[in-house]
């Protein structure tokens, strides 16, 4: 599957290299499937120029690093499994962008997704899931946040969960909400 994603990797905790082997291939496969699924839907990606490139930074971190970010940016002094940091107005207010300006630019930063190793390991064990499947789900979850999906309200959560389930199914991963 060929998409217009440029994925950069920042391995803050080297244990990721053994837990999600091969981590670059796994992350790329998951994000390409998510990107392919949503690019033609009614999202901020539907208007993209076929030649446009979308950049995502993946940070494979530990709980201490994620706790620091979660405290600084969300006011929650604890680690969490995934954090998403949208890079631009792409995810929040794409109506400000005109078709003309979109066609002139061919490179868009979607943002950063930060995953916490220990929290994901703990949750996977508690939920009787493989680490790879749980991390894949959280990558999709983080990606959807980057492009404007949220789960604060019931209807938004339902839409986001259905999309996560659909993408995971295409990857051969069962519904994480059961």
C-alpha atoms as a PDB file:
ATOM      1  CA  UNK A   1       0.000   0.000   0.000  1.00  0.00           C
ATOM      2  CA  UNK A   2       1.499   3.352  -1.050  1.00  0.00           C
ATOM      3  CA  UNK A   3       0.355   6.501   0.694  1.00  0.00           C
ATOM      4  CA  UNK A   4       1.515  10.050   0.966  1.00  0.00           C
ATOM      5  CA  UNK A   5       2.794   9.731   4.527  1.00  0.00           C
ATOM      6  CA  UNK A   6       6.209  10.781   5.716  1.00  0.00           C
ATOM      7  CA  UNK A   7       6.703   9.215   9.131  1.00  0.00           C
ATOM      8  CA  UNK A   8       9.589  10.193  11.345  1.00  0.00           C
ATOM      9  CA  UNK A   9      10.510   8.101  14.348  1.00  0.00           C
ATOM     10  CA  UNK A  10      11.902   9.225  17.674  1.00  0.00           C
ATOM     11  CA  UNK A  11      12.706   6.286  19.936  1.00  0.00           C
ATOM     12  CA  UNK A  12      12.933   7.764  23.423  1.00  0.00           C
ATOM     13  CA  UNK A  13      12.886   4.306  25.054  1.00  0.00           C
ATOM     14  CA  UNK A  14      14.935   1.625  23.220  1.00  0.00           C
ATOM     15  CA  UNK A  15      12.730  -1.190  24.590  1.00  0.00           C
ATOM     16  CA  UNK A  16      10.242  -0.276  21.853  1.00  0.00           C
ATOM     17  CA  UNK A  17      12.607  -1.832  19.326  1.00  0.00           C
ATOM     18  CA  UNK A  18      12.061  -5.263  20.891  1.00  0.00           C
ATOM     19  CA  UNK A  19       8.411  -4.882  21.945  1.00  0.00           C
ATOM     20  CA  UNK A  20       7.136  -3.782  18.539  1.00  0.00           C
ATOM     21  CA  UNK A  21       9.551  -5.544  16.224  1.00  0.00           C
ATOM     22  CA  UNK A  22       9.899  -4.439  13.498  1.00  0.00           C
ATOM     23  CA  UNK A  23       8.675  -1.144  14.882  1.00  0.00           C
ATOM     24  CA  UNK A  24       9.095   1.037  11.785  1.00  0.00           C
ATOM     25  CA  UNK A  25       7.331  -1.448   9.517  1.00  0.00           C
ATOM     26  CA  UNK A  26       4.522  -2.003  12.026  1.00  0.00           C
ATOM     27  CA  UNK A  27       3.897   1.701  12.627  1.00  0.00           C
ATOM     28  CA  UNK A  28       4.006   2.474   8.904  1.00  0.00           C
ATOM     29  CA  UNK A  29       1.558  -0.337   8.070  1.00  0.00           C
ATOM     30  CA  UNK A  30      -0.934   0.798  10.728  1.00  0.00           C
ATOM     31  CA  UNK A  31      -0.788   4.482   9.816  1.00  0.00           C
ATOM     32  CA  UNK A  32      -0.979   3.824   6.084  1.00  0.00           C
ATOM     33  CA  UNK A  33      -4.128   1.759   6.606  1.00  0.00           C
ATOM     34  CA  UNK A  34      -5.652   4.496   8.767  1.00  0.00           C
ATOM     35  CA  UNK A  35      -4.684   7.186   6.246  1.00  0.00           C
ATOM     36  CA  UNK A  36      -6.105   5.179   3.335  1.00  0.00           C
ATOM     37  CA  UNK A  37      -9.387   4.651   5.159  1.00  0.00           C
ATOM     38  CA  UNK A  38      -9.996   8.275   6.078  1.00  0.00           C
ATOM     39  CA  UNK A  39      -8.534  10.196   3.127  1.00  0.00           C
ATOM     40  CA  UNK A  40     -11.737  10.069   1.077  1.00  0.00           C
ATOM     41  CA  UNK A  41     -14.163  10.471   3.950  1.00  0.00           C
ATOM     42  CA  UNK A  42     -15.669  13.729   5.153  1.00  0.00           C
ATOM     43  CA  UNK A  43     -12.544  14.717   7.084  1.00  0.00           C
ATOM     44  CA  UNK A  44      -9.845  17.328   6.741  1.00  0.00           C
ATOM     45  CA  UNK A  45      -7.942  14.967   4.412  1.00  0.00           C
ATOM     46  CA  UNK A  46     -10.609  14.638   1.730  1.00  0.00           C
ATOM     47  CA  UNK A  47      -9.507  17.749  -0.120  1.00  0.00           C
ATOM     48  CA  UNK A  48      -5.852  16.819  -0.358  1.00  0.00           C
ATOM     49  CA  UNK A  49      -3.899  17.101  -3.576  1.00  0.00           C
ATOM     50  CA  UNK A  50      -2.949  13.608  -4.734  1.00  0.00           C
ATOM     51  CA  UNK A  51       0.709  14.694  -4.676  1.00  0.00           C
ATOM     52  CA  UNK A  52       0.546  16.192  -1.179  1.00  0.00           C
ATOM     53  CA  UNK A  53       2.649  14.631   1.552  1.00  0.00           C
ATOM     54  CA  UNK A  54       1.463  14.425   5.146  1.00  0.00           C
ATOM     55  CA  UNK A  55       4.096  14.279   7.866  1.00  0.00           C
ATOM     56  CA  UNK A  56       3.642  12.530  11.191  1.00  0.00           C
ATOM     57  CA  UNK A  57       6.204  12.218  13.970  1.00  0.00           C
ATOM     58  CA  UNK A  58       5.977   9.117  16.137  1.00  0.00           C
ATOM     59  CA  UNK A  59       7.586   9.250  19.563  1.00  0.00           C
ATOM     60  CA  UNK A  60       8.071   5.843  21.173  1.00  0.00           C
ATOM     61  CA  UNK A  61       8.509   6.855  24.784  1.00  0.00           C
ATOM     62  CA  UNK A  62       8.255   5.630  28.348  1.00  0.00           C
ATOM     63  CA  UNK A  63       5.785   6.528  31.075  1.00  0.00           C
ATOM     64  CA  UNK A  64       8.029   9.162  32.694  1.00  0.00           C
ATOM     65  CA  UNK A  65       8.302  11.104  29.419  1.00  0.00           C
ATOM     66  CA  UNK A  66       4.575  10.850  28.710  1.00  0.00           C
ATOM     67  CA  UNK A  67       3.714  11.810  32.290  1.00  0.00           C
ATOM     68  CA  UNK A  68       5.761  14.990  31.868  1.00  0.00           C
ATOM     69  CA  UNK A  69       3.979  15.857  28.608  1.00  0.00           C
ATOM     70  CA  UNK A  70       0.570  14.974  30.034  1.00  0.00           C
ATOM     71  CA  UNK A  71       1.210  17.223  33.026  1.00  0.00           C
ATOM     72  CA  UNK A  72       2.519  20.103  30.932  1.00  0.00           C
ATOM     73  CA  UNK A  73      -0.117  20.057  28.185  1.00  0.00           C
ATOM     74  CA  UNK A  74      -3.191  18.511  29.794  1.00  0.00           C
ATOM     75  CA  UNK A  75      -2.713  19.310  33.480  1.00  0.00           C
ATOM     76  CA  UNK A  76      -2.813  15.612  34.383  1.00  0.00           C
ATOM     77  CA  UNK A  77       0.147  14.495  36.483  1.00  0.00           C
ATOM     78  CA  UNK A  78       0.131  10.872  35.354  1.00  0.00           C
ATOM     79  CA  UNK A  79       1.134   8.880  32.308  1.00  0.00           C
ATOM     80  CA  UNK A  80      -1.385   7.939  29.654  1.00  0.00           C
ATOM     81  CA  UNK A  81      -1.188   5.451  26.810  1.00  0.00           C
ATOM     82  CA  UNK A  82      -1.144   7.905  23.876  1.00  0.00           C
ATOM     83  CA  UNK A  83      -0.928  11.641  23.352  1.00  0.00           C
ATOM     84  CA  UNK A  84      -1.592  13.444  20.089  1.00  0.00           C
ATOM     85  CA  UNK A  85      -0.340  16.893  19.230  1.00  0.00           C
ATOM     86  CA  UNK A  86      -1.872  18.306  16.024  1.00  0.00           C
ATOM     87  CA  UNK A  87       0.643  20.497  14.217  1.00  0.00           C
ATOM     88  CA  UNK A  88      -1.609  23.005  12.511  1.00  0.00           C
ATOM     89  CA  UNK A  89      -5.111  24.202  11.845  1.00  0.00           C
ATOM     90  CA  UNK A  90      -5.536  21.156   9.588  1.00  0.00           C
ATOM     91  CA  UNK A  91      -7.266  19.150  12.304  1.00  0.00           C
ATOM     92  CA  UNK A  92      -9.271  21.916  13.912  1.00  0.00           C
ATOM     93  CA  UNK A  93     -10.293  24.460  11.317  1.00  0.00           C
ATOM     94  CA  UNK A  94      -9.716  23.268   7.782  1.00  0.00           C
ATOM     95  CA  UNK A  95     -12.432  25.599   6.510  1.00  0.00           C
ATOM     96  CA  UNK A  96      -9.945  28.491   6.750  1.00  0.00           C
ATOM     97  CA  UNK A  97      -7.796  26.857   4.082  1.00  0.00           C
ATOM     98  CA  UNK A  98      -8.818  27.559   0.524  1.00  0.00           C
ATOM     99  CA  UNK A  99      -8.614  25.028  -2.271  1.00  0.00           C
ATOM    100  CA  UNK A 100      -6.125  27.296  -4.024  1.00  0.00           C
ATOM    101  CA  UNK A 101      -3.777  27.425  -1.027  1.00  0.00           C
ATOM    102  CA  UNK A 102      -4.060  23.667  -0.568  1.00  0.00           C
ATOM    103  CA  UNK A 103      -3.072  22.964  -4.157  1.00  0.00           C
ATOM    104  CA  UNK A 104      -0.063  25.287  -3.919  1.00  0.00           C
ATOM    105  CA  UNK A 105       1.313  23.571  -0.835  1.00  0.00           C
ATOM    106  CA  UNK A 106       2.315  19.938  -1.092  1.00  0.00           C
ATOM    107  CA  UNK A 107       3.591  19.272   2.412  1.00  0.00           C
ATOM    108  CA  UNK A 108       1.489  19.237   5.576  1.00  0.00           C
ATOM    109  CA  UNK A 109       2.542  18.452   9.113  1.00  0.00           C
ATOM    110  CA  UNK A 110      -0.232  16.494  10.792  1.00  0.00           C
ATOM    111  CA  UNK A 111       1.503  16.397  14.159  1.00  0.00           C
ATOM    112  CA  UNK A 112       3.011  14.072  16.718  1.00  0.00           C
ATOM    113  CA  UNK A 113       1.792  10.863  18.314  1.00  0.00           C
ATOM    114  CA  UNK A 114       3.506   9.873  21.560  1.00  0.00           C
ATOM    115  CA  UNK A 115       3.110   6.334  22.928  1.00  0.00           C
ATOM    116  CA  UNK A 116       3.964   5.242  26.506  1.00  0.00           C
ATOM    117  CA  UNK A 117       5.617   1.821  26.672  1.00  0.00           C
ATOM    118  CA  UNK A 118       4.853   0.749  30.239  1.00  0.00           C
ATOM    119  CA  UNK A 119       1.240   1.926  30.184  1.00  0.00           C
ATOM    120  CA  UNK A 120       0.576   0.111  26.916  1.00  0.00           C
ATOM    121  CA  UNK A 121       2.226  -3.065  28.246  1.00  0.00           C
ATOM    122  CA  UNK A 122       0.134  -2.906  31.431  1.00  0.00           C
ATOM    123  CA  UNK A 123      -3.134  -2.260  29.580  1.00  0.00           C
ATOM    124  CA  UNK A 124      -2.467  -5.000  27.029  1.00  0.00           C
ATOM    125  CA  UNK A 125      -1.875  -7.502  29.807  1.00  0.00           C
ATOM    126  CA  UNK A 126      -4.961  -6.390  31.775  1.00  0.00           C
ATOM    127  CA  UNK A 127      -7.145  -6.514  28.648  1.00  0.00           C
ATOM    128  CA  UNK A 128      -5.628  -9.806  27.465  1.00  0.00           C
ATOM    129  CA  UNK A 129      -4.443  -8.310  24.180  1.00  0.00           C
ATOM    130  CA  UNK A 130      -1.109  -8.552  22.479  1.00  0.00           C
ATOM    131  CA  UNK A 131       1.185  -5.578  22.869  1.00  0.00           C
ATOM    132  CA  UNK A 132       1.315  -5.166  19.074  1.00  0.00           C
ATOM    133  CA  UNK A 133      -2.481  -5.103  18.703  1.00  0.00           C
ATOM    134  CA  UNK A 134      -2.963  -2.655  21.550  1.00  0.00           C
ATOM    135  CA  UNK A 135      -0.193  -0.363  20.287  1.00  0.00           C
ATOM    136  CA  UNK A 136      -1.721  -0.535  16.789  1.00  0.00           C
ATOM    137  CA  UNK A 137      -5.090   0.518  18.165  1.00  0.00           C
ATOM    138  CA  UNK A 138      -3.519   3.443  19.998  1.00  0.00           C
ATOM    139  CA  UNK A 139      -1.636   4.558  16.881  1.00  0.00           C
ATOM    140  CA  UNK A 140      -4.933   4.656  14.993  1.00  0.00           C
ATOM    141  CA  UNK A 141      -6.578   6.456  17.904  1.00  0.00           C
ATOM    142  CA  UNK A 142      -3.787   9.047  17.985  1.00  0.00           C
ATOM    143  CA  UNK A 143      -3.892   9.501  14.206  1.00  0.00           C
ATOM    144  CA  UNK A 144      -7.630  10.156  14.274  1.00  0.00           C
ATOM    145  CA  UNK A 145      -7.073  12.832  16.919  1.00  0.00           C
ATOM    146  CA  UNK A 146      -4.493  14.490  14.648  1.00  0.00           C
ATOM    147  CA  UNK A 147      -7.061  14.888  11.893  1.00  0.00           C
ATOM    148  CA  UNK A 148      -9.808  16.227  14.127  1.00  0.00           C
ATOM    149  CA  UNK A 149     -11.694  13.259  15.573  1.00  0.00           C
ATOM    150  CA  UNK A 150     -12.521  13.283  19.263  1.00  0.00           C
ATOM    151  CA  UNK A 151     -14.420  11.262  21.836  1.00  0.00           C
ATOM    152  CA  UNK A 152     -15.529  13.876  24.322  1.00  0.00           C
ATOM    153  CA  UNK A 153     -19.228  13.629  23.474  1.00  0.00           C
ATOM    154  CA  UNK A 154     -21.213  10.431  22.918  1.00  0.00           C
ATOM    155  CA  UNK A 155     -21.860  10.838  19.189  1.00  0.00           C
ATOM    156  CA  UNK A 156     -18.229  11.828  18.484  1.00  0.00           C
ATOM    157  CA  UNK A 157     -16.993   8.854  20.495  1.00  0.00           C
ATOM    158  CA  UNK A 158     -19.298   6.502  18.599  1.00  0.00           C
ATOM    159  CA  UNK A 159     -18.065   7.763  15.211  1.00  0.00           C
ATOM    160  CA  UNK A 160     -14.414   7.562  16.256  1.00  0.00           C
ATOM    161  CA  UNK A 161     -14.760   4.071  17.750  1.00  0.00           C
ATOM    162  CA  UNK A 162     -16.525   2.733  14.652  1.00  0.00           C
ATOM    163  CA  UNK A 163     -13.737   4.052  12.461  1.00  0.00           C
ATOM    164  CA  UNK A 164     -11.063   2.563  14.737  1.00  0.00           C
ATOM    165  CA  UNK A 165     -12.820  -0.812  14.630  1.00  0.00           C
ATOM    166  CA  UNK A 166     -13.099  -0.672  10.827  1.00  0.00           C
ATOM    167  CA  UNK A 167      -9.389   0.118  10.362  1.00  0.00           C
ATOM    168  CA  UNK A 168      -8.323  -2.487  12.907  1.00  0.00           C
ATOM    169  CA  UNK A 169     -10.445  -5.102  11.149  1.00  0.00           C
ATOM    170  CA  UNK A 170      -8.592  -4.397   7.905  1.00  0.00           C
ATOM    171  CA  UNK A 171      -5.370  -5.079   9.814  1.00  0.00           C
ATOM    172  CA  UNK A 172      -6.742  -8.361  11.149  1.00  0.00           C
ATOM    173  CA  UNK A 173      -7.172  -7.016  14.697  1.00  0.00           C
ATOM    174  CA  UNK A 174     -10.378  -7.651  16.600  1.00  0.00           C
ATOM    175  CA  UNK A 175     -12.660  -5.014  18.122  1.00  0.00           C
ATOM    176  CA  UNK A 176     -10.825  -3.552  21.140  1.00  0.00           C
ATOM    177  CA  UNK A 177     -14.047  -2.357  22.744  1.00  0.00           C
ATOM    178  CA  UNK A 178     -15.525  -5.800  23.380  1.00  0.00           C
END
